[in-house]
C-alpha atoms as a PDB file:
ATOM      1  CA  UNK A   1     -62.976   1.427  49.076  1.00  0.00           C
ATOM      2  CA  UNK A   2     -59.167   1.132  49.287  1.00  0.00           C
ATOM      3  CA  UNK A   3     -56.697   4.000  49.223  1.00  0.00           C
ATOM      4  CA  UNK A   4     -52.984   4.500  48.613  1.00  0.00           C
ATOM      5  CA  UNK A   5     -50.807   7.322  49.919  1.00  0.00           C
ATOM      6  CA  UNK A   6     -48.687   8.381  46.939  1.00  0.00           C
ATOM      7  CA  UNK A   7     -45.670  10.651  46.665  1.00  0.00           C
ATOM      8  CA  UNK A   8     -45.454  10.766  42.852  1.00  0.00           C
ATOM      9  CA  UNK A   9     -46.651   9.049  39.681  1.00  0.00           C
ATOM     10  CA  UNK A  10     -45.082   9.108  36.225  1.00  0.00           C
ATOM     11  CA  UNK A  11     -47.598   7.755  33.706  1.00  0.00           C
ATOM     12  CA  UNK A  12     -45.043   6.734  31.076  1.00  0.00           C
ATOM     13  CA  UNK A  13     -41.348   6.185  31.728  1.00  0.00           C
ATOM     14  CA  UNK A  14     -38.586   4.077  30.220  1.00  0.00           C
ATOM     15  CA  UNK A  15     -36.109   4.426  33.107  1.00  0.00           C
ATOM     16  CA  UNK A  16     -37.893   2.664  35.977  1.00  0.00           C
ATOM     17  CA  UNK A  17     -37.854  -0.925  34.722  1.00  0.00           C
ATOM     18  CA  UNK A  18     -38.037  -2.903  31.489  1.00  0.00           C
ATOM     19  CA  UNK A  19     -39.975  -1.332  28.639  1.00  0.00           C
ATOM     20  CA  UNK A  20     -42.368   1.574  29.038  1.00  0.00           C
ATOM     21  CA  UNK A  21     -43.932   1.624  32.495  1.00  0.00           C
ATOM     22  CA  UNK A  22     -46.068   3.589  34.900  1.00  0.00           C
ATOM     23  CA  UNK A  23     -43.943   4.382  37.972  1.00  0.00           C
ATOM     24  CA  UNK A  24     -45.714   4.799  41.302  1.00  0.00           C
ATOM     25  CA  UNK A  25     -43.822   6.181  44.321  1.00  0.00           C
ATOM     26  CA  UNK A  26     -45.567   5.720  47.655  1.00  0.00           C
ATOM     27  CA  UNK A  27     -45.241   8.121  50.573  1.00  0.00           C
ATOM     28  CA  UNK A  28     -43.756   6.904  53.861  1.00  0.00           C
ATOM     29  CA  UNK A  29     -40.831   4.808  55.030  1.00  0.00           C
ATOM     30  CA  UNK A  30     -39.728   3.564  58.455  1.00  0.00           C
ATOM     31  CA  UNK A  31     -36.109   3.094  57.388  1.00  0.00           C
ATOM     32  CA  UNK A  32     -33.747   6.022  57.631  1.00  0.00           C
ATOM     33  CA  UNK A  33     -31.029   4.938  55.229  1.00  0.00           C
ATOM     34  CA  UNK A  34     -28.180   7.458  55.240  1.00  0.00           C
ATOM     35  CA  UNK A  35     -28.078   7.560  51.429  1.00  0.00           C
ATOM     36  CA  UNK A  36     -31.834   7.620  50.786  1.00  0.00           C
ATOM     37  CA  UNK A  37     -32.423   8.698  47.211  1.00  0.00           C
ATOM     38  CA  UNK A  38     -35.902  10.152  47.917  1.00  0.00           C
ATOM     39  CA  UNK A  39     -35.766  11.726  51.414  1.00  0.00           C
ATOM     40  CA  UNK A  40     -38.891  13.815  50.720  1.00  0.00           C
ATOM     41  CA  UNK A  41     -40.873  10.573  50.499  1.00  0.00           C
ATOM     42  CA  UNK A  42     -39.893   9.303  53.987  1.00  0.00           C
ATOM     43  CA  UNK A  43     -42.403  11.055  56.243  1.00  0.00           C
ATOM     44  CA  UNK A  44     -45.293   8.791  57.160  1.00  0.00           C
ATOM     45  CA  UNK A  45     -47.972  11.399  56.551  1.00  0.00           C
ATOM     46  CA  UNK A  46     -50.728  11.962  54.004  1.00  0.00           C
ATOM     47  CA  UNK A  47     -49.297  13.239  50.721  1.00  0.00           C
ATOM     48  CA  UNK A  48     -51.585  12.422  47.802  1.00  0.00           C
ATOM     49  CA  UNK A  49     -54.195   9.947  49.033  1.00  0.00           C
ATOM     50  CA  UNK A  50     -55.725   8.264  45.984  1.00  0.00           C
ATOM     51  CA  UNK A  51     -58.571   5.807  45.548  1.00  0.00           C
ATOM     52  CA  UNK A  52     -57.114   2.574  44.114  1.00  0.00           C
ATOM     53  CA  UNK A  53     -59.936   2.371  41.575  1.00  0.00           C
ATOM     54  CA  UNK A  54     -58.916   5.782  40.213  1.00  0.00           C
ATOM     55  CA  UNK A  55     -55.321   4.549  39.905  1.00  0.00           C
ATOM     56  CA  UNK A  56     -56.485   1.354  38.155  1.00  0.00           C
ATOM     57  CA  UNK A  57     -58.345   3.454  35.577  1.00  0.00           C
ATOM     58  CA  UNK A  58     -55.218   5.562  35.028  1.00  0.00           C
ATOM     59  CA  UNK A  59     -53.063   2.453  34.548  1.00  0.00           C
ATOM     60  CA  UNK A  60     -55.560   1.030  32.056  1.00  0.00           C
ATOM     61  CA  UNK A  61     -55.546   4.356  30.187  1.00  0.00           C
ATOM     62  CA  UNK A  62     -51.727   4.361  30.230  1.00  0.00           C
ATOM     63  CA  UNK A  63     -51.739   0.872  28.727  1.00  0.00           C
ATOM     64  CA  UNK A  64     -53.915   1.936  25.795  1.00  0.00           C
ATOM     65  CA  UNK A  65     -52.417   5.417  25.349  1.00  0.00           C
ATOM     66  CA  UNK A  66     -48.696   4.830  26.036  1.00  0.00           C
ATOM     67  CA  UNK A  67     -48.478   1.078  25.465  1.00  0.00           C
ATOM     68  CA  UNK A  68     -46.981   0.440  28.918  1.00  0.00           C
ATOM     69  CA  UNK A  69     -45.817  -3.102  29.567  1.00  0.00           C
ATOM     70  CA  UNK A  70     -45.955  -2.784  33.333  1.00  0.00           C
ATOM     71  CA  UNK A  71     -45.971  -0.819  36.544  1.00  0.00           C
ATOM     72  CA  UNK A  72     -43.094  -0.145  38.923  1.00  0.00           C
ATOM     73  CA  UNK A  73     -43.667   0.361  42.651  1.00  0.00           C
ATOM     74  CA  UNK A  74     -41.120   2.512  44.491  1.00  0.00           C
ATOM     75  CA  UNK A  75     -40.974   4.829  47.460  1.00  0.00           C
ATOM     76  CA  UNK A  76     -40.736   5.729  50.245  1.00  0.00           C
ATOM     77  CA  UNK A  77     -41.183   2.090  51.094  1.00  0.00           C
ATOM     78  CA  UNK A  78     -43.851   0.231  49.104  1.00  0.00           C
ATOM     79  CA  UNK A  79     -44.123  -2.767  51.449  1.00  0.00           C
ATOM     80  CA  UNK A  80     -45.665  -0.495  54.102  1.00  0.00           C
ATOM     81  CA  UNK A  81     -48.691  -0.270  51.812  1.00  0.00           C
ATOM     82  CA  UNK A  82     -48.637  -3.918  50.722  1.00  0.00           C
ATOM     83  CA  UNK A  83     -52.399  -4.567  51.088  1.00  0.00           C
ATOM     84  CA  UNK A  84     -53.353  -1.757  48.701  1.00  0.00           C
ATOM     85  CA  UNK A  85     -50.440  -2.343  46.360  1.00  0.00           C
ATOM     86  CA  UNK A  86     -51.267  -6.059  46.173  1.00  0.00           C
ATOM     87  CA  UNK A  87     -54.714  -5.149  44.850  1.00  0.00           C
ATOM     88  CA  UNK A  88     -53.102  -2.832  42.311  1.00  0.00           C
ATOM     89  CA  UNK A  89     -50.497  -5.447  41.302  1.00  0.00           C
ATOM     90  CA  UNK A  90     -53.171  -8.124  40.926  1.00  0.00           C
ATOM     91  CA  UNK A  91     -55.122  -5.751  38.670  1.00  0.00           C
ATOM     92  CA  UNK A  92     -51.992  -5.035  36.593  1.00  0.00           C
ATOM     93  CA  UNK A  93     -51.453  -8.763  36.058  1.00  0.00           C
ATOM     94  CA  UNK A  94     -55.115  -9.241  35.151  1.00  0.00           C
ATOM     95  CA  UNK A  95     -54.750  -6.812  32.220  1.00  0.00           C
ATOM     96  CA  UNK A  96     -51.453  -8.337  31.053  1.00  0.00           C
ATOM     97  CA  UNK A  97     -48.990  -5.920  32.678  1.00  0.00           C
ATOM     98  CA  UNK A  98     -45.855  -6.830  34.598  1.00  0.00           C
ATOM     99  CA  UNK A  99     -45.053  -5.573  38.109  1.00  0.00           C
ATOM    100  CA  UNK A 100     -41.653  -4.490  39.436  1.00  0.00           C
ATOM    101  CA  UNK A 101     -41.067  -3.647  43.114  1.00  0.00           C
ATOM    102  CA  UNK A 102     -38.180  -1.702  44.655  1.00  0.00           C
ATOM    103  CA  UNK A 103     -37.702  -2.117  48.405  1.00  0.00           C
ATOM    104  CA  UNK A 104     -35.029  -1.184  50.918  1.00  0.00           C
ATOM    105  CA  UNK A 105     -35.675  -4.481  52.721  1.00  0.00           C
ATOM    106  CA  UNK A 106     -34.030  -7.735  51.693  1.00  0.00           C
ATOM    107  CA  UNK A 107     -36.344 -10.295  50.125  1.00  0.00           C
ATOM    108  CA  UNK A 108     -35.611 -12.684  53.012  1.00  0.00           C
ATOM    109  CA  UNK A 109     -36.938 -10.038  55.453  1.00  0.00           C
ATOM    110  CA  UNK A 110     -40.098  -9.659  53.403  1.00  0.00           C
ATOM    111  CA  UNK A 111     -40.675 -13.410  53.369  1.00  0.00           C
ATOM    112  CA  UNK A 112     -40.516 -13.432  57.179  1.00  0.00           C
ATOM    113  CA  UNK A 113     -43.985 -11.838  56.977  1.00  0.00           C
ATOM    114  CA  UNK A 114     -43.115  -8.713  58.918  1.00  0.00           C
ATOM    115  CA  UNK A 115     -45.472  -6.697  56.770  1.00  0.00           C
ATOM    116  CA  UNK A 116     -49.242  -6.953  56.538  1.00  0.00           C
ATOM    117  CA  UNK A 117     -50.251  -8.211  53.085  1.00  0.00           C
ATOM    118  CA  UNK A 118     -46.723  -8.882  51.816  1.00  0.00           C
ATOM    119  CA  UNK A 119     -47.439 -12.491  50.752  1.00  0.00           C
ATOM    120  CA  UNK A 120     -50.277 -11.381  48.496  1.00  0.00           C
ATOM    121  CA  UNK A 121     -48.191  -8.556  47.039  1.00  0.00           C
ATOM    122  CA  UNK A 122     -45.251 -10.857  46.237  1.00  0.00           C
ATOM    123  CA  UNK A 123     -47.622 -13.284  44.476  1.00  0.00           C
ATOM    124  CA  UNK A 124     -48.333 -10.508  41.965  1.00  0.00           C
ATOM    125  CA  UNK A 125     -44.798  -9.166  41.483  1.00  0.00           C
ATOM    126  CA  UNK A 126     -42.521 -10.261  38.629  1.00  0.00           C
ATOM    127  CA  UNK A 127     -39.281  -8.571  39.758  1.00  0.00           C
ATOM    128  CA  UNK A 128     -38.137  -7.448  43.198  1.00  0.00           C
ATOM    129  CA  UNK A 129     -35.095  -5.212  43.519  1.00  0.00           C
ATOM    130  CA  UNK A 130     -34.048  -5.265  47.148  1.00  0.00           C
ATOM    131  CA  UNK A 131     -31.525  -3.529  49.377  1.00  0.00           C
ATOM    132  CA  UNK A 132     -30.860  -0.022  50.604  1.00  0.00           C
ATOM    133  CA  UNK A 133     -29.360   2.549  48.249  1.00  0.00           C
ATOM    134  CA  UNK A 134     -25.721   3.134  49.239  1.00  0.00           C
ATOM    135  CA  UNK A 135     -24.128   6.216  47.680  1.00  0.00           C
ATOM    136  CA  UNK A 136     -20.546   5.020  48.244  1.00  0.00           C
ATOM    137  CA  UNK A 137     -20.975   2.008  45.917  1.00  0.00           C
ATOM    138  CA  UNK A 138     -22.842   3.470  42.927  1.00  0.00           C
ATOM    139  CA  UNK A 139     -23.858   0.919  40.279  1.00  0.00           C
ATOM    140  CA  UNK A 140     -22.629   1.719  36.759  1.00  0.00           C
ATOM    141  CA  UNK A 141     -23.227  -1.573  34.946  1.00  0.00           C
ATOM    142  CA  UNK A 142     -26.822  -2.597  35.687  1.00  0.00           C
ATOM    143  CA  UNK A 143     -30.070  -0.923  34.756  1.00  0.00           C
ATOM    144  CA  UNK A 144     -32.388   0.643  37.346  1.00  0.00           C
ATOM    145  CA  UNK A 145     -30.401  -0.098  40.521  1.00  0.00           C
ATOM    146  CA  UNK A 146     -28.601   2.730  42.265  1.00  0.00           C
ATOM    147  CA  UNK A 147     -25.922   0.793  44.137  1.00  0.00           C
ATOM    148  CA  UNK A 148     -23.978  -2.443  43.765  1.00  0.00           C
ATOM    149  CA  UNK A 149     -25.486  -4.080  46.864  1.00  0.00           C
ATOM    150  CA  UNK A 150     -28.994  -4.112  45.394  1.00  0.00           C
ATOM    151  CA  UNK A 151     -30.203  -7.420  43.949  1.00  0.00           C
ATOM    152  CA  UNK A 152     -32.719  -8.499  41.327  1.00  0.00           C
ATOM    153  CA  UNK A 153     -35.070 -11.371  42.222  1.00  0.00           C
ATOM    154  CA  UNK A 154     -37.190 -12.856  39.432  1.00  0.00           C
ATOM    155  CA  UNK A 155     -40.438 -14.166  40.906  1.00  0.00           C
ATOM    156  CA  UNK A 156     -42.036 -15.137  37.593  1.00  0.00           C
ATOM    157  CA  UNK A 157     -40.913 -16.374  34.188  1.00  0.00           C
ATOM    158  CA  UNK A 158     -41.620 -13.006  32.552  1.00  0.00           C
ATOM    159  CA  UNK A 159     -38.064 -11.612  32.885  1.00  0.00           C
ATOM    160  CA  UNK A 160     -34.571 -12.856  33.672  1.00  0.00           C
ATOM    161  CA  UNK A 161     -31.071 -11.442  34.220  1.00  0.00           C
ATOM    162  CA  UNK A 162     -30.771 -10.517  30.525  1.00  0.00           C
ATOM    163  CA  UNK A 163     -32.548  -7.228  31.366  1.00  0.00           C
ATOM    164  CA  UNK A 164     -29.901  -6.092  33.862  1.00  0.00           C
ATOM    165  CA  UNK A 165     -26.849  -4.946  31.852  1.00  0.00           C
ATOM    166  CA  UNK A 166     -26.807  -1.317  30.705  1.00  0.00           C
ATOM    167  CA  UNK A 167     -26.438  -1.286  26.951  1.00  0.00           C
ATOM    168  CA  UNK A 168     -26.344   2.447  26.195  1.00  0.00           C
ATOM    169  CA  UNK A 169     -25.341   4.125  29.459  1.00  0.00           C
ATOM    170  CA  UNK A 170     -27.401   5.411  32.366  1.00  0.00           C
ATOM    171  CA  UNK A 171     -30.681   6.918  31.243  1.00  0.00           C
ATOM    172  CA  UNK A 172     -32.450   9.802  32.966  1.00  0.00           C
ATOM    173  CA  UNK A 173     -35.734  11.399  31.951  1.00  0.00           C
ATOM    174  CA  UNK A 174     -36.381  15.130  32.290  1.00  0.00           C
ATOM    175  CA  UNK A 175     -39.861  16.684  32.111  1.00  0.00           C
ATOM    176  CA  UNK A 176     -41.275  20.207  32.201  1.00  0.00           C
ATOM    177  CA  UNK A 177     -44.876  20.465  33.379  1.00  0.00           C
ATOM    178  CA  UNK A 178     -47.346  23.178  32.240  1.00  0.00           C
ATOM    179  CA  UNK A 179     -46.413  25.328  35.263  1.00  0.00           C
ATOM    180  CA  UNK A 180     -42.735  25.214  34.275  1.00  0.00           C
ATOM    181  CA  UNK A 181     -41.627  22.804  37.016  1.00  0.00           C
ATOM    182  CA  UNK A 182     -38.728  20.656  35.810  1.00  0.00           C
ATOM    183  CA  UNK A 183     -38.517  17.109  37.158  1.00  0.00           C
ATOM    184  CA  UNK A 184     -36.243  14.150  36.533  1.00  0.00           C
ATOM    185  CA  UNK A 185     -36.428  10.469  37.369  1.00  0.00           C
ATOM    186  CA  UNK A 186     -34.188   7.453  36.899  1.00  0.00           C
ATOM    187  CA  UNK A 187     -31.069   8.856  38.578  1.00  0.00           C
ATOM    188  CA  UNK A 188     -32.077   6.971  41.090  1.00  0.00           C
ATOM    189  CA  UNK A 189     -34.087   9.772  42.673  1.00  0.00           C
ATOM    190  CA  UNK A 190     -36.710  12.290  41.607  1.00  0.00           C
ATOM    191  CA  UNK A 191     -35.566  15.888  41.216  1.00  0.00           C
ATOM    192  CA  UNK A 192     -37.848  18.930  41.004  1.00  0.00           C
ATOM    193  CA  UNK A 193     -36.439  22.370  40.266  1.00  0.00           C
END
């Protein structure tokens, strides 16, 4: 049985990649980028440890209920959990969903095989957005990236650069849960108040 250590999941979002998606933030990152957009997700410690099979069932339910077209993997740093995420990404592809990956590492670094399971994960990813978030060069013209230094890499034929330009301004989603907790995503961080 495989497990993932998650920081947050949004079952249906339109601000974390093309179309409606399930966004999955993993817990833990070894980088300490000065402008990290999710500093609460950095500690390498158990947060919400979830059985991958449970997450697969939720993604399948999200596909039928919300009509998601894919999943987006964010963090923390997803490549630290590449073996588990590769199984999840492979499952997403098997049911016709796309996979988008955000990483603070450059794609060239990932291809150097520094991370256990990264080759398998990249085989099942359609889009990689790489590079650290830098708050002094905020991106205002492209969807989903926080800063101008971040790059899109299209690893399949499913998408191309036509998805990048912002057509109607920066989009943020706000939610209120049953306990009254307000959260936002897509800004490029998650806020809870």
